[in-house]
C-alpha atoms as a PDB file:
ATOM      1  CA  UNK A   1       0.166   0.018   0.154  1.00  0.00           C
ATOM      2  CA  UNK A   2       2.883   2.576   0.969  1.00  0.00           C
ATOM      3  CA  UNK A   3       4.581   1.627  -1.953  1.00  0.00           C
ATOM      4  CA  UNK A   4       1.712   2.445  -4.264  1.00  0.00           C
ATOM      5  CA  UNK A   5       0.970   5.346  -2.548  1.00  0.00           C
ATOM      6  CA  UNK A   6       4.892   6.298  -2.841  1.00  0.00           C
ATOM      7  CA  UNK A   7       4.637   5.817  -6.795  1.00  0.00           C
ATOM      8  CA  UNK A   8       1.435   7.994  -7.242  1.00  0.00           C
ATOM      9  CA  UNK A   9       2.961  10.891  -5.086  1.00  0.00           C
ATOM     10  CA  UNK A  10       6.489  10.533  -7.123  1.00  0.00           C
ATOM     11  CA  UNK A  11       4.367  10.512 -10.466  1.00  0.00           C
ATOM     12  CA  UNK A  12       2.462  13.711  -9.307  1.00  0.00           C
ATOM     13  CA  UNK A  13       5.773  15.164  -8.447  1.00  0.00           C
ATOM     14  CA  UNK A  14       7.403  14.420 -11.879  1.00  0.00           C
ATOM     15  CA  UNK A  15       4.227  15.883 -13.589  1.00  0.00           C
ATOM     16  CA  UNK A  16       4.550  19.349 -11.735  1.00  0.00           C
ATOM     17  CA  UNK A  17       8.304  19.053 -11.997  1.00  0.00           C
ATOM     18  CA  UNK A  18       7.528  18.790 -15.927  1.00  0.00           C
ATOM     19  CA  UNK A  19       5.024  21.750 -16.025  1.00  0.00           C
ATOM     20  CA  UNK A  20       7.548  23.873 -14.304  1.00  0.00           C
ATOM     21  CA  UNK A  21      10.015  23.419 -16.301  1.00  0.00           C
ATOM     22  CA  UNK A  22       8.140  23.910 -19.331  1.00  0.00           C
END
């Protein structure tokens, strides 16, 4: 469960990072 949550968070952070860079 924690692993899945961490993965979701990582995905969200990556998405935000991409938006910030672009």
